[in-house]
Amino acid sequence: MGYSSTTAVFLLLIVIPLSTAVLDSHYYDQTCPQAEHIISDTIRNASLYDSKVPARLLRMFFHDCFVRGCDASILLDSTPGNKAEKDGPPNISIRSFYVIEQAKVKLEKACPRTVSCADIIAIAARDVVTQSGGPRWEVLKGRKDGKISKASETTANLPAPSFNITQLIQSFAKRGLEIKDLVALSGGHTLGFSHCSSFQSRLRSFTSTLDLDPTLNAIFAESLRQKCPHHNRSPNAGTFLDTTSSKFDNDYYKQIVSGKGVFGSDQALLNDYRTKWIVESFARDEWFFFKEFVGSMVKLGNVGVKSLGDGEVRSKCSVVNSS
């Protein structure tokens, strides 16, 4: 069952107290009722100007929540005494931090010091999915912004494209996320592009005895080799993560079933009995994928949420408030 022309709508109006703060889908109804409209318009305009924005903002949400929880620590700028998350190796290519800042400037004019940067990221992640043809859901809100951001924590906490299934399961479990969440959230790769550096180890000298990763479709592997020649020096060389990279759909899973997962961590999902059936189910049934993706996004959005006791509402997303 697919949703090619209409957007699936999943309403999650519940309050989920999984952290020190209680989140609520109606959090800004009285204090800033126009908040989501402002964010949505900003995201739509930015995406029209730059087609890479949707994938980058969705990835931003994942990367923020996996390091110190969903607290917008990924948005803080580095200082002379501290290299921040946005300058960590996994985040260098995100680059669309300015879009969140644009939304924040508009929100500060409409409702000063009310909407947190962490909530803007969560709402933006939902909006890029919906605006790309995927499902819509009610985002739970009320997160506060963190005050600490360290680049060294990115590599240590973010799952790498080369992770095997055990490493992936362990990484997600540390955030209270289950195996089905791992497979569903990996579907975010249906939007986006990868540079050669993230998968070229699968194409040449894979092991001491194998030149090519045997889980890769041979014809697909040759196409990747052409895009990423042996002595590639182009910083922009790479490939899209599925065949419909600007559309949020279940094509990512169909590609994996065909042996065309770009990352080793993508293809690993098909090669383990714990995840294989979920991949195959999502490949067959887009509606089922949408449903599970929404549930997993809500769970991810509750990871490490901060309250006013240990966070704040930044007036500018790139710097903490002055004392």
Protein backbone atom coordinates (compact mmCIF):
# COMPACT_ATOMS: atom_id res chain seq x y z
CA MET A 1 0.00 0.00 0.00
CA GLY A 2 1.70 3.23 -1.12
CA TYR A 3 1.14 6.94 -0.86
CA SER A 4 2.37 8.37 -4.14
CA SER A 5 -0.13 11.20 -4.48
CA THR A 6 -1.39 11.79 -0.97
CA THR A 7 0.51 12.27 2.24
CA ALA A 8 -0.06 9.82 5.03
CA VAL A 9 -1.07 11.53 8.25
CA PHE A 10 -0.28 10.02 11.64
CA LEU A 11 -1.56 11.97 14.62
CA LEU A 12 0.33 11.33 17.83
CA LEU A 13 -1.26 13.61 20.38
CA ILE A 14 0.11 11.82 23.40
CA VAL A 15 2.47 13.14 26.03
CA ILE A 16 5.54 10.92 26.49
CA PRO A 17 7.54 11.62 29.67
CA LEU A 18 10.64 9.63 28.72
CA SER A 19 13.12 12.20 29.95
CA THR A 20 13.56 14.97 32.52
CA ALA A 21 11.14 17.13 30.52
CA VAL A 22 7.57 16.31 29.54
CA LEU A 23 6.87 16.97 25.87
CA ASP A 24 3.48 17.94 24.49
CA SER A 25 2.22 18.39 20.94
CA HIS A 26 0.34 21.54 22.09
CA TYR A 27 3.28 23.10 23.93
CA TYR A 28 3.27 26.40 21.98
CA ASP A 29 -0.46 26.68 21.36
CA GLN A 30 -0.79 29.67 23.72
CA THR A 31 2.70 31.16 23.76
CA CYS A 32 3.55 31.00 20.02
CA PRO A 33 0.68 29.53 17.97
CA GLN A 34 2.31 30.53 14.66
CA ALA A 35 5.58 28.72 15.43
CA GLU A 36 5.10 25.67 13.21
CA HIS A 37 3.82 27.78 10.32
CA ILE A 38 6.91 30.01 10.50
CA ILE A 39 9.23 27.00 10.56
CA SER A 40 7.41 25.22 7.73
CA ASP A 41 7.56 28.25 5.45
CA THR A 42 11.26 28.74 6.16
CA ILE A 43 12.03 25.09 5.39
CA ARG A 44 9.98 25.11 2.18
CA ASN A 45 11.67 28.27 0.85
CA ALA A 46 15.15 27.01 1.73
CA SER A 47 14.46 23.66 0.05
CA LEU A 48 13.33 25.36 -3.14
CA TYR A 49 16.59 27.31 -3.19
CA ASP A 50 18.79 24.30 -2.34
CA SER A 51 17.58 20.75 -3.04
CA LYS A 52 20.07 19.33 -0.49
CA VAL A 53 18.38 21.04 2.44
CA PRO A 54 15.78 18.31 3.21
CA ALA A 55 18.33 15.52 3.55
CA ARG A 56 20.67 17.70 5.59
CA LEU A 57 17.99 18.80 8.05
CA LEU A 58 16.76 15.25 8.57
CA ARG A 59 20.32 14.12 9.19
CA MET A 60 20.83 17.08 11.53
CA PHE A 61 18.01 15.81 13.75
CA PHE A 62 19.53 12.32 13.93
CA HIS A 63 23.02 13.64 14.64
CA ASP A 64 21.79 16.08 17.28
CA CYS A 65 19.80 13.48 19.20
CA PHE A 66 22.55 10.85 19.13
CA VAL A 67 25.03 13.21 20.82
CA ARG A 68 23.90 14.54 24.23
CA GLY A 69 20.26 14.03 23.26
CA CYS A 70 17.91 16.30 21.31
CA ASP A 71 19.22 19.60 22.69
CA ALA A 72 20.43 21.54 19.61
CA SER A 73 24.05 21.15 20.73
CA ILE A 74 24.81 20.49 17.06
CA LEU A 75 24.02 24.14 16.30
CA LEU A 76 26.52 25.75 18.68
CA ASP A 77 29.55 27.41 17.09
CA SER A 78 33.09 26.50 18.05
CA THR A 79 34.95 28.93 20.29
CA PRO A 80 38.70 29.55 20.72
CA GLY A 81 38.67 27.12 23.64
CA ASN A 82 36.29 24.49 22.27
CA LYS A 83 35.67 22.72 18.96
CA ALA A 84 31.91 22.14 18.73
CA GLU A 85 29.84 19.28 17.26
CA LYS A 86 29.10 21.05 13.97
CA ASP A 87 32.84 20.97 13.24
CA GLY A 88 33.20 17.27 14.05
CA PRO A 89 34.02 15.03 11.03
CA PRO A 90 30.52 13.45 10.70
CA ASN A 91 28.84 16.88 10.62
CA ILE A 92 31.05 18.82 8.21
CA SER A 93 28.82 18.02 5.23
CA ILE A 94 25.51 19.02 6.88
CA ARG A 95 26.07 22.71 6.11
CA SER A 96 22.42 23.80 6.38
CA PHE A 97 22.63 25.16 9.91
CA TYR A 98 21.73 28.56 8.50
CA VAL A 99 18.19 27.35 7.74
CA ILE A 100 17.47 26.72 11.42
CA GLU A 101 18.98 30.11 12.27
CA GLN A 102 16.72 31.79 9.71
CA ALA A 103 13.67 30.22 11.33
CA LYS A 104 14.95 31.26 14.76
CA VAL A 105 15.33 34.91 13.71
CA LYS A 106 11.70 34.97 12.54
CA LEU A 107 10.51 33.24 15.72
CA GLU A 108 12.39 35.70 17.93
CA LYS A 109 10.50 38.54 16.27
CA ALA A 110 7.15 36.80 16.69
CA CYS A 111 7.67 35.21 20.13
CA PRO A 112 10.94 36.22 21.81
CA ARG A 113 12.78 33.57 23.87
CA THR A 114 9.91 31.11 23.53
CA VAL A 115 10.68 28.42 20.92
CA SER A 116 13.81 26.38 21.56
CA CYS A 117 16.30 25.61 18.83
CA ALA A 118 15.95 21.92 19.71
CA ASP A 119 12.23 22.08 18.93
CA ILE A 120 12.95 23.90 15.66
CA ILE A 121 15.20 21.02 14.55
CA ALA A 122 12.54 18.44 15.48
CA ILE A 123 9.79 20.31 13.63
CA ALA A 124 12.06 20.91 10.64
CA ALA A 125 12.84 17.18 10.43
CA ARG A 126 9.12 16.42 10.27
CA ASP A 127 8.53 19.15 7.69
CA VAL A 128 11.23 17.98 5.25
CA VAL A 129 9.76 14.47 5.37
CA THR A 130 6.23 15.72 4.74
CA GLN A 131 7.26 18.20 2.06
CA SER A 132 9.15 15.38 0.28
CA GLY A 133 6.02 13.22 0.05
CA GLY A 134 6.37 11.32 3.30
CA PRO A 135 4.11 11.06 6.36
CA ARG A 136 3.09 13.89 8.66
CA TRP A 137 2.82 13.64 12.43
CA GLU A 138 2.30 15.89 15.43
CA VAL A 139 5.71 16.79 16.84
CA LEU A 140 5.95 16.68 20.62
CA LYS A 141 7.54 19.92 21.86
CA GLY A 142 9.01 21.51 24.96
CA ARG A 143 12.70 20.63 24.60
CA LYS A 144 15.28 23.02 26.02
CA ASP A 145 18.65 23.82 24.45
CA GLY A 146 21.88 22.41 25.83
CA LYS A 147 24.91 24.49 26.74
CA ILE A 148 27.71 22.03 25.91
CA SER A 149 28.92 20.91 22.48
CA LYS A 150 32.11 18.93 21.78
CA ALA A 151 33.32 17.78 18.38
CA SER A 152 35.12 14.85 19.99
CA GLU A 153 31.78 13.34 20.97
CA THR A 154 30.50 13.08 17.40
CA THR A 155 32.75 10.29 16.13
CA ALA A 156 32.40 8.45 19.42
CA ASN A 157 28.59 8.50 19.45
CA LEU A 158 27.36 8.53 15.85
CA PRO A 159 26.93 5.21 13.99
CA ALA A 160 29.47 4.93 11.18
CA PRO A 161 28.57 3.91 7.58
CA SER A 162 30.84 0.90 8.05
CA PHE A 163 29.12 -0.45 11.20
CA ASN A 164 28.05 -4.08 11.25
CA ILE A 165 24.62 -5.07 12.53
CA THR A 166 25.78 -5.75 16.10
CA GLN A 167 27.41 -2.34 16.35
CA LEU A 168 24.29 -0.67 14.95
CA ILE A 169 21.97 -2.44 17.38
CA GLN A 170 24.20 -1.55 20.33
CA SER A 171 24.44 2.10 19.26
CA PHE A 172 20.67 2.47 18.99
CA ALA A 173 20.04 0.53 22.21
CA LYS A 174 22.13 3.05 24.15
CA ARG A 175 19.50 5.63 23.19
CA GLY A 176 16.59 3.40 24.19
CA LEU A 177 15.83 2.52 20.57
CA GLU A 178 14.92 -0.99 19.50
CA ILE A 179 15.80 -3.03 16.41
CA LYS A 180 12.68 -1.95 14.53
CA ASP A 181 13.59 1.69 15.28
CA LEU A 182 17.04 1.09 13.80
CA VAL A 183 15.61 -0.23 10.54
CA ALA A 184 12.85 2.39 10.32
CA LEU A 185 15.13 5.36 11.03
CA SER A 186 17.68 4.06 8.52
CA GLY A 187 14.93 4.75 5.97
CA GLY A 188 15.82 8.42 6.32
CA HIS A 189 18.52 7.56 3.80
CA THR A 190 15.80 7.66 1.15
CA LEU A 191 16.64 11.37 1.05
CA GLY A 192 20.16 12.37 0.31
CA PHE A 193 23.60 11.90 -1.12
CA SER A 194 26.83 10.33 0.08
CA HIS A 195 30.39 11.31 -0.75
CA CYS A 196 32.75 8.57 -1.90
CA SER A 197 34.69 8.55 1.37
CA SER A 198 31.72 6.96 3.18
CA PHE A 199 31.57 3.82 1.03
CA GLN A 200 34.70 3.54 -1.15
CA SER A 201 36.22 0.94 1.18
CA ARG A 202 33.56 -1.47 -0.16
CA LEU A 203 34.76 -1.01 -3.74
CA ARG A 204 38.47 -1.80 -3.55
CA SER A 205 40.65 -3.92 -1.26
CA PHE A 206 37.63 -4.77 0.87
CA THR A 207 39.57 -7.49 2.69
CA SER A 208 42.96 -9.14 2.26
CA THR A 209 41.33 -11.71 -0.04
CA LEU A 210 38.37 -9.80 -1.54
CA ASP A 211 38.59 -6.67 -3.65
CA LEU A 212 34.83 -6.00 -3.60
CA ASP A 213 32.28 -6.28 -0.80
CA PRO A 214 30.44 -9.50 -1.78
CA THR A 215 27.10 -8.14 -0.52
CA LEU A 216 27.15 -5.47 -3.25
CA ASN A 217 25.31 -6.08 -6.51
CA ALA A 218 28.15 -6.42 -9.07
CA ILE A 219 26.64 -4.08 -11.68
CA PHE A 220 25.82 -1.49 -9.02
CA ALA A 221 29.34 -1.78 -7.62
CA GLU A 222 30.80 -1.02 -11.05
CA SER A 223 28.63 2.09 -11.34
CA LEU A 224 29.91 3.24 -7.95
CA ARG A 225 33.48 2.64 -9.03
CA GLN A 226 32.93 4.88 -12.04
CA LYS A 227 31.56 7.63 -9.80
CA CYS A 228 34.43 7.16 -7.36
CA PRO A 229 37.59 6.43 -9.40
CA HIS A 230 40.59 5.01 -7.58
CA HIS A 231 42.44 8.30 -7.29
CA ASN A 232 39.37 10.49 -6.97
CA ARG A 233 40.18 14.03 -5.85
CA SER A 234 36.79 15.65 -6.32
CA PRO A 235 35.26 16.61 -2.95
CA ASN A 236 31.80 16.47 -4.54
CA ALA A 237 32.03 12.97 -6.02
CA GLY A 238 29.56 10.44 -4.71
CA THR A 239 26.10 9.00 -5.26
CA PHE A 240 22.48 9.35 -4.19
CA LEU A 241 21.35 6.88 -1.55
CA ASP A 242 18.42 5.58 -3.58
CA THR A 243 16.92 6.13 -7.02
CA THR A 244 14.33 8.67 -5.81
CA SER A 245 16.59 10.82 -3.65
CA SER A 246 14.28 13.86 -3.49
CA LYS A 247 11.21 11.81 -2.56
CA PHE A 248 10.52 10.26 0.81
CA ASP A 249 9.39 6.72 -0.02
CA ASN A 250 10.40 3.09 0.53
CA ASP A 251 12.77 2.85 -2.44
CA TYR A 252 15.73 2.71 -0.04
CA TYR A 253 14.58 -0.72 1.17
CA LYS A 254 13.95 -1.96 -2.36
CA GLN A 255 17.53 -1.01 -3.19
CA ILE A 256 18.85 -2.95 -0.20
CA VAL A 257 16.87 -6.05 -1.18
CA SER A 258 18.52 -5.78 -4.62
CA GLY A 259 22.02 -5.57 -3.11
CA LYS A 260 22.27 -1.85 -3.86
CA GLY A 261 22.64 -0.38 -0.39
CA VAL A 262 25.31 2.32 -0.63
CA PHE A 263 26.68 2.03 2.91
CA GLY A 264 27.92 -1.17 4.44
CA SER A 265 25.60 -0.39 7.36
CA ASP A 266 22.66 -0.22 4.93
CA GLN A 267 23.34 -3.59 3.35
CA ALA A 268 24.04 -5.15 6.75
CA LEU A 269 20.34 -4.74 7.56
CA LEU A 270 19.50 -7.44 5.02
CA ASN A 271 22.14 -9.89 6.17
CA ASP A 272 20.93 -10.56 9.70
CA TYR A 273 17.80 -12.48 10.66
CA ARG A 274 16.90 -9.83 13.27
CA THR A 275 16.54 -7.07 10.68
CA LYS A 276 16.08 -8.87 7.35
CA TRP A 277 12.34 -9.42 7.75
CA ILE A 278 11.77 -5.77 8.62
CA VAL A 279 13.69 -4.56 5.56
CA GLU A 280 11.71 -6.91 3.33
CA SER A 281 8.42 -5.81 4.93
CA PHE A 282 9.20 -2.13 4.41
CA ALA A 283 10.24 -2.83 0.81
CA ARG A 284 6.86 -4.44 0.14
CA ASP A 285 4.64 -2.06 2.09
CA GLU A 286 5.31 1.68 2.06
CA TRP A 287 2.44 2.41 4.43
CA PHE A 288 3.94 0.05 7.02
CA PHE A 289 7.29 1.83 6.69
CA PHE A 290 5.66 5.23 7.11
CA LYS A 291 3.82 4.08 10.22
CA GLU A 292 6.94 2.65 11.87
CA PHE A 293 9.09 5.62 10.82
CA VAL A 294 6.72 8.05 12.54
CA GLY A 295 6.73 6.05 15.76
CA SER A 296 10.52 5.81 15.73
CA MET A 297 10.96 9.53 15.02
CA VAL A 298 8.82 10.35 18.06
CA LYS A 299 10.92 7.99 20.20
CA LEU A 300 14.16 9.48 18.88
CA GLY A 301 12.87 12.97 19.63
CA ASN A 302 12.59 12.02 23.31
CA VAL A 303 16.22 11.00 23.69
CA GLY A 304 18.09 13.05 26.31
CA VAL A 305 15.57 15.89 26.34
CA LYS A 306 16.51 18.72 28.71
CA SER A 307 14.30 20.80 30.95
CA LEU A 308 14.89 24.37 32.15
CA GLY A 309 16.88 22.94 35.03
CA ASP A 310 19.69 21.83 32.72
CA GLY A 311 18.92 23.75 29.53
CA GLU A 312 17.67 27.07 28.20
CA VAL A 313 15.86 28.64 25.25
CA ARG A 314 18.65 30.21 23.22
CA SER A 315 17.90 33.58 21.64
CA LYS A 316 20.42 32.69 18.91
CA CYS A 317 20.92 29.05 18.00
CA SER A 318 24.67 29.22 17.44
CA VAL A 319 25.61 30.58 20.89
CA VAL A 320 24.49 30.00 24.45
CA ASN A 321 22.73 32.85 26.22
CA SER A 322 24.99 35.15 28.19
CA SER A 323 24.67 34.89 31.94
